[in-house]
Amino acid sequence: MKGKATILLSGLVAILMVTCAVPFMASEDSDALIGNTTGMSLNTNSAVLYENNGTSSIQLSITQYISGDNPAAAHWYLHDIDDGTDFVELSTPTTGSSITVSVTELDYGVEVASVEVVASIDVVDGNDQPVIDPNTHQQVKHTASAVIVVYPSPSTTANVFHYYFKIDSSAIDYLIESEQIDEDTVLEPSLPSGYDIYSGFWVTVTQAQTELSDANFNALTALQWYFTQNGWSNHFGNYGWIEDLLGLESYSGNGGVWYYWAQYHAVSGTPNAWAFNNTTLEFITTVGESYIGMIFWGSPDANTMPSFPGYPTA
């Protein structure tokens, strides 16, 4: 995956292609992920780290496991998904219910790299004997994993932008009840089966897709390219303020709440979270702000954030 701009990290879920018609992108290595055994998971399924000037480590822990398993006996390892594994390291010992993943050093010239960190538990029966898979004749293992994406620094120029779209259904209900909109106001986009603007989803746009020059590629131009390709109704003001999107504008509510398309960027940490955008889309050009939330909801103030859905999974 070295040198590719198609890194997409959101819960080891179905990853679909971003094309003119379908608003999702798959890493071509996504089918190589170990992933989660049903009933087992970590405290996060993905994270963004930086070699310099940003968050450079994260603690992963088993938060859900299958009855009969012993999380303290888990073995942790790095699974190569085509970028190698030497740009991160695991703390020692590599057994137990948690581990710390730290960035070491990206190879010279590498703009982004990703690796899967896996926790694996050997399954035993009630007599503490190995459970053997009759097809592979190997001991059954239960696994959970997280994809770690590493950039040189938050100030690295982005050649990929990720957008999370969601409409809060309770906001729509309030606006209909207060007669500020009607049931036909929302111009819902055409989406693949199983995906819903009210549940939220990620899309990814690469500079290579847009064919824009370095000077012209930013969070606004990438987003406008996506909307044009997929037929989303939209109008922007100066430098990327949303005047309306999918038929929805800005509306006042009670107690100082405003209903509008609030714009955020993802911040890595424990936990990962949204932070309010302090600039307009046209001026967002770096990887540190390249995971962008566009959420229509009732926002009480700039310090109150909606829940973070997790990074998209590559």
Protein backbone atom coordinates (compact mmCIF):
# COMPACT_ATOMS: atom_id res chain seq x y z
CA MET A 1 0.00 0.00 0.00
CA LYS A 2 3.09 2.31 0.07
CA GLY A 3 2.48 5.58 -1.75
CA LYS A 4 -1.23 4.94 -2.16
CA ALA A 5 -3.74 7.63 -1.31
CA THR A 6 -6.60 5.19 -0.86
CA ILE A 7 -6.22 4.64 2.88
CA LEU A 8 -9.60 4.41 4.52
CA LEU A 9 -9.71 3.48 8.01
CA SER A 10 -15.05 2.69 10.94
CA GLY A 11 -15.55 -0.36 12.61
CA LEU A 12 -14.30 -3.33 10.49
CA VAL A 13 -17.55 -3.06 8.60
CA ALA A 14 -18.37 -3.46 4.94
CA ILE A 15 -16.10 -1.25 2.90
CA LEU A 16 -17.46 -0.20 -0.45
CA MET A 17 -15.99 1.63 -3.40
CA VAL A 18 -16.09 5.42 -3.86
CA THR A 19 -16.97 5.93 -7.50
CA CYS A 20 -19.21 8.33 -9.32
CA ALA A 21 -22.21 6.29 -8.24
CA VAL A 22 -21.19 4.67 -4.96
CA PRO A 23 -20.00 6.87 -2.09
CA PHE A 24 -17.55 4.49 -0.41
CA MET A 25 -13.97 3.43 -0.97
CA ALA A 26 -12.23 0.18 -0.18
CA SER A 27 -8.56 -0.25 0.38
CA GLU A 28 -7.50 -2.98 -1.99
CA ASP A 29 -5.97 -4.68 1.04
CA SER A 30 -9.14 -4.64 3.13
CA ASP A 31 -9.89 -8.30 2.41
CA ALA A 32 -6.61 -9.17 4.17
CA LEU A 33 -7.76 -7.85 7.54
CA ILE A 34 -7.96 -10.36 10.38
CA GLY A 35 -10.83 -8.43 11.97
CA ASN A 36 -13.05 -9.29 14.92
CA THR A 37 -14.51 -12.63 15.90
CA THR A 38 -18.19 -12.09 16.69
CA GLY A 39 -18.41 -11.27 20.38
CA MET A 40 -14.86 -9.96 20.75
CA SER A 41 -13.66 -6.36 20.32
CA LEU A 42 -11.14 -3.77 21.43
CA ASN A 43 -11.64 -0.31 22.93
CA THR A 44 -11.31 1.12 19.39
CA ASN A 45 -11.22 -0.39 15.94
CA SER A 46 -9.00 2.26 14.37
CA ALA A 47 -6.73 5.19 15.20
CA VAL A 48 -4.58 7.83 13.52
CA LEU A 49 -1.08 8.43 14.89
CA TYR A 50 1.76 10.73 13.88
CA GLU A 51 5.51 10.29 13.72
CA ASN A 52 6.13 13.90 14.81
CA ASN A 53 4.21 16.74 16.50
CA GLY A 54 1.11 14.74 17.32
CA THR A 55 -0.29 11.73 19.14
CA SER A 56 2.31 8.99 18.63
CA SER A 57 0.97 6.12 20.76
CA ILE A 58 -2.27 4.52 21.84
CA GLN A 59 -3.26 1.89 24.37
CA LEU A 60 -5.45 -0.88 23.00
CA SER A 61 -7.40 -3.15 25.32
CA ILE A 62 -9.87 -6.01 25.03
CA THR A 63 -13.26 -4.65 26.10
CA GLN A 64 -15.47 -7.51 24.94
CA TYR A 65 -14.62 -11.19 24.88
CA ILE A 66 -16.37 -14.52 24.47
CA SER A 67 -17.53 -16.46 27.50
CA GLY A 68 -14.92 -19.00 28.51
CA ASP A 69 -12.03 -17.02 27.02
CA ASN A 70 -9.32 -15.50 29.19
CA PRO A 71 -8.38 -12.01 27.91
CA ALA A 72 -5.28 -12.01 30.12
CA ALA A 73 -3.96 -14.84 27.93
CA ALA A 74 -4.31 -12.88 24.68
CA HIS A 75 -1.31 -12.67 22.37
CA TRP A 76 -0.80 -9.40 20.47
CA TYR A 77 0.90 -9.09 17.09
CA LEU A 78 1.23 -6.81 14.05
CA HIS A 79 -0.45 -7.95 10.85
CA ASP A 80 1.09 -6.58 7.65
CA ILE A 81 -1.55 -5.13 5.30
CA ASP A 82 1.02 -4.24 2.66
CA ASP A 83 2.98 -1.42 4.27
CA GLY A 84 5.19 -3.57 6.47
CA THR A 85 5.16 -3.34 10.24
CA ASP A 86 8.44 -1.68 11.23
CA PHE A 87 6.98 1.83 11.58
CA VAL A 88 5.21 0.88 14.82
CA GLU A 89 6.12 -1.24 17.82
CA LEU A 90 4.23 -3.05 20.56
CA SER A 91 5.02 -2.71 24.24
CA THR A 92 6.28 -5.77 26.08
CA PRO A 93 5.19 -8.24 27.11
CA THR A 94 2.95 -8.92 24.11
CA THR A 95 0.52 -10.97 26.16
CA GLY A 96 -2.32 -9.70 28.31
CA SER A 97 -5.60 -7.86 27.99
CA SER A 98 -4.01 -4.58 26.81
CA ILE A 99 -0.99 -3.24 24.94
CA THR A 100 0.52 0.08 23.85
CA VAL A 101 1.20 0.75 20.18
CA SER A 102 3.85 3.40 19.45
CA VAL A 103 5.12 4.96 16.24
CA THR A 104 8.82 4.37 15.50
CA GLU A 105 9.81 5.82 12.13
CA LEU A 106 8.28 5.94 8.67
CA ASP A 107 10.53 5.11 5.76
CA TYR A 108 11.90 8.16 3.94
CA GLY A 109 9.32 9.64 1.57
CA VAL A 110 6.38 7.60 2.89
CA GLU A 111 3.33 9.86 3.32
CA VAL A 112 1.04 7.35 5.06
CA ALA A 113 1.19 3.74 6.22
CA SER A 114 -1.22 1.42 7.98
CA VAL A 115 -0.99 -1.79 9.98
CA GLU A 116 -3.47 -4.04 11.78
CA VAL A 117 -2.87 -4.74 15.47
CA VAL A 118 -4.42 -8.07 16.48
CA ALA A 119 -5.25 -9.60 19.85
CA SER A 120 -5.61 -13.38 19.59
CA ILE A 121 -6.89 -15.82 22.22
CA ASP A 122 -6.33 -19.57 21.89
CA VAL A 123 -9.63 -21.32 22.57
CA VAL A 124 -9.71 -24.15 25.10
CA ASP A 125 -12.50 -26.39 26.34
CA GLY A 126 -13.74 -26.88 29.89
CA ASN A 127 -10.82 -29.20 30.60
CA ASP A 128 -8.35 -26.56 29.45
CA GLN A 129 -7.60 -28.57 26.32
CA PRO A 130 -7.17 -26.92 22.89
CA VAL A 131 -10.30 -26.70 20.73
CA ILE A 132 -9.32 -27.95 17.26
CA ASP A 133 -10.95 -26.78 14.04
CA PRO A 134 -11.93 -29.96 12.16
CA ASN A 135 -11.28 -28.30 8.80
CA THR A 136 -7.87 -26.75 9.42
CA HIS A 137 -6.78 -29.12 12.20
CA GLN A 138 -5.45 -26.03 13.99
CA GLN A 139 -6.41 -24.66 17.38
CA VAL A 140 -9.35 -22.26 17.16
CA LYS A 141 -8.44 -18.63 17.82
CA HIS A 142 -10.69 -15.73 18.71
CA THR A 143 -9.42 -12.35 17.52
CA ALA A 144 -10.08 -8.62 17.73
CA SER A 145 -8.14 -5.94 15.93
CA ALA A 146 -7.61 -2.26 15.23
CA VAL A 147 -6.18 -0.57 12.14
CA ILE A 148 -3.51 2.01 12.93
CA VAL A 149 -2.78 4.66 10.30
CA VAL A 150 0.45 6.66 10.64
CA TYR A 151 1.29 10.01 9.02
CA PRO A 152 4.56 11.96 9.30
CA SER A 153 2.84 14.82 11.16
CA PRO A 154 -0.54 16.57 11.42
CA SER A 155 0.81 19.32 9.14
CA THR A 156 1.50 16.91 6.26
CA THR A 157 -0.35 18.08 3.14
CA ALA A 158 -3.39 15.88 2.55
CA ASN A 159 -3.98 14.10 -0.74
CA VAL A 160 -7.03 12.29 0.67
CA PHE A 161 -10.05 13.65 2.53
CA HIS A 162 -12.57 11.57 4.49
CA TYR A 163 -16.07 12.93 5.14
CA TYR A 164 -18.63 11.67 7.63
CA PHE A 165 -22.23 12.64 6.80
CA LYS A 166 -25.19 12.33 9.13
CA ILE A 167 -28.61 13.92 9.60
CA ASP A 168 -29.98 13.71 13.15
CA SER A 169 -33.54 12.44 12.77
CA SER A 170 -34.61 14.13 16.02
CA ALA A 171 -33.54 17.47 14.52
CA ILE A 172 -35.76 16.84 11.50
CA ASP A 173 -38.68 15.88 13.76
CA TYR A 174 -38.30 19.12 15.73
CA LEU A 175 -38.12 21.28 12.61
CA ILE A 176 -41.19 19.64 11.10
CA GLU A 177 -43.12 20.02 14.36
CA SER A 178 -42.10 23.69 14.59
CA GLU A 179 -43.15 24.13 10.94
CA GLN A 180 -39.75 25.39 9.83
CA ILE A 181 -39.52 22.62 7.22
CA ASP A 182 -41.91 20.03 5.83
CA GLU A 183 -41.60 16.33 5.10
CA ASP A 184 -40.40 17.02 1.55
CA THR A 185 -37.60 19.41 2.50
CA VAL A 186 -34.83 16.83 2.85
CA LEU A 187 -33.44 15.82 -0.54
CA GLU A 188 -32.10 12.43 0.47
CA PRO A 189 -29.16 11.24 -1.64
CA SER A 190 -29.16 7.99 -3.55
CA LEU A 191 -27.14 5.51 -1.47
CA PRO A 192 -26.27 1.82 -1.67
CA SER A 193 -28.67 -0.61 -0.04
CA GLY A 194 -28.23 -0.74 3.72
CA TYR A 195 -26.79 2.77 4.08
CA ASP A 196 -28.76 5.61 5.56
CA ILE A 197 -28.02 9.34 5.89
CA TYR A 198 -29.75 9.19 9.30
CA SER A 199 -27.36 6.50 10.54
CA GLY A 200 -24.25 8.20 9.19
CA PHE A 201 -21.45 6.99 6.94
CA TRP A 202 -17.95 7.86 5.72
CA VAL A 203 -16.91 8.69 2.17
CA THR A 204 -13.39 9.22 0.86
CA VAL A 205 -12.13 11.44 -1.96
CA THR A 206 -8.56 11.25 -3.25
CA GLN A 207 -6.66 13.89 -5.17
CA ALA A 208 -6.05 11.35 -7.90
CA GLN A 209 -9.81 10.92 -8.38
CA THR A 210 -10.44 14.63 -8.69
CA GLU A 211 -7.41 15.26 -10.97
CA LEU A 212 -6.94 18.58 -9.18
CA SER A 213 -3.51 20.15 -8.86
CA ASP A 214 -1.74 20.46 -5.51
CA ALA A 215 -2.60 24.16 -5.45
CA ASN A 216 -6.32 23.50 -6.01
CA PHE A 217 -6.91 20.40 -3.87
CA ASN A 218 -8.43 21.12 -0.46
CA ALA A 219 -11.34 20.00 1.69
CA LEU A 220 -13.78 22.20 -0.22
CA THR A 221 -12.77 21.30 -3.77
CA ALA A 222 -12.66 17.59 -2.90
CA LEU A 223 -16.14 17.80 -1.39
CA GLN A 224 -17.55 19.74 -4.33
CA TRP A 225 -16.14 17.10 -6.69
CA TYR A 226 -17.90 14.40 -4.70
CA PHE A 227 -21.22 16.24 -4.66
CA THR A 228 -21.04 16.84 -8.40
CA GLN A 229 -20.23 13.20 -9.14
CA ASN A 230 -23.05 11.91 -6.95
CA GLY A 231 -25.73 14.53 -7.59
CA TRP A 232 -26.06 15.98 -4.07
CA SER A 233 -27.98 19.23 -3.85
CA ASN A 234 -25.71 21.87 -2.29
CA HIS A 235 -24.86 25.56 -2.13
CA PHE A 236 -21.75 27.02 -0.50
CA GLY A 237 -20.95 30.55 0.57
CA ASN A 238 -17.52 32.15 0.59
CA TYR A 239 -14.62 29.79 1.30
CA GLY A 240 -16.81 26.81 2.11
CA TRP A 241 -19.59 27.85 4.48
CA ILE A 242 -22.61 25.64 3.81
CA GLU A 243 -25.66 27.66 2.80
CA ASP A 244 -27.73 24.53 2.21
CA LEU A 245 -27.05 20.83 1.71
CA LEU A 246 -29.64 18.21 0.74
CA GLY A 247 -32.29 20.91 1.07
CA LEU A 248 -31.41 21.80 4.67
CA GLU A 249 -30.33 25.30 5.69
CA SER A 250 -29.86 26.86 9.16
CA TYR A 251 -32.75 27.14 11.63
CA SER A 252 -33.16 28.53 15.13
CA GLY A 253 -34.35 26.43 18.03
CA ASN A 254 -35.09 26.88 21.71
CA GLY A 255 -32.52 27.82 24.33
CA GLY A 256 -29.90 29.07 21.91
CA VAL A 257 -29.80 25.84 19.90
CA TRP A 258 -29.19 26.16 16.18
CA TYR A 259 -30.04 23.43 13.67
CA TYR A 260 -27.54 23.43 10.84
CA TRP A 261 -24.73 21.50 9.12
CA ALA A 262 -22.06 21.72 11.80
CA GLN A 263 -18.52 20.98 10.59
CA TYR A 264 -15.94 19.08 12.66
CA HIS A 265 -12.62 17.31 12.28
CA ALA A 266 -11.52 14.16 14.06
CA VAL A 267 -8.96 14.37 16.85
CA SER A 268 -7.01 11.26 17.82
CA GLY A 269 -6.82 10.45 21.50
CA THR A 270 -8.36 8.35 24.23
CA PRO A 271 -11.10 8.52 23.23
CA ASN A 272 -11.09 9.73 19.64
CA ALA A 273 -13.46 12.68 19.29
CA TRP A 274 -14.76 15.51 17.13
CA ALA A 275 -13.38 19.04 17.40
CA PHE A 276 -15.18 22.05 15.96
CA ASN A 277 -13.64 23.36 12.72
CA ASN A 278 -12.00 26.71 13.40
CA THR A 279 -11.68 27.56 9.73
CA THR A 280 -13.65 27.06 6.52
CA LEU A 281 -13.26 24.07 4.22
CA GLU A 282 -11.23 25.91 1.58
CA PHE A 283 -8.39 26.42 4.06
CA ILE A 284 -8.26 22.81 5.29
CA THR A 285 -5.32 21.19 3.52
CA THR A 286 -3.50 18.99 6.06
CA VAL A 287 -3.90 15.41 7.28
CA GLY A 288 -4.45 16.63 10.84
CA GLU A 289 -7.88 17.91 9.78
CA SER A 290 -8.55 15.52 6.90
CA TYR A 291 -11.22 13.43 8.68
CA ILE A 292 -14.19 15.78 8.52
CA GLY A 293 -17.63 15.49 10.08
CA MET A 294 -20.61 17.18 8.42
CA ILE A 295 -23.50 16.60 10.76
CA PHE A 296 -26.93 18.23 10.64
CA TRP A 297 -28.16 18.47 14.22
CA GLY A 298 -29.23 20.84 16.96
CA SER A 299 -25.95 22.28 18.19
CA PRO A 300 -26.19 24.14 21.52
CA ASP A 301 -22.71 25.72 21.23
CA ALA A 302 -19.26 25.27 19.70
CA ASN A 303 -18.01 23.38 22.76
CA THR A 304 -20.61 20.59 22.64
CA MET A 305 -19.80 17.83 20.17
CA PRO A 306 -21.91 15.00 18.76
CA SER A 307 -20.70 11.47 19.40
CA PHE A 308 -17.73 10.31 17.31
CA PRO A 309 -18.53 7.30 15.08
CA GLY A 310 -14.98 5.95 14.90
CA TYR A 311 -12.52 6.40 12.08
CA PRO A 312 -13.31 4.68 8.79
CA THR A 313 -11.52 1.33 8.62
CA ALA A 314 -8.93 0.62 5.96
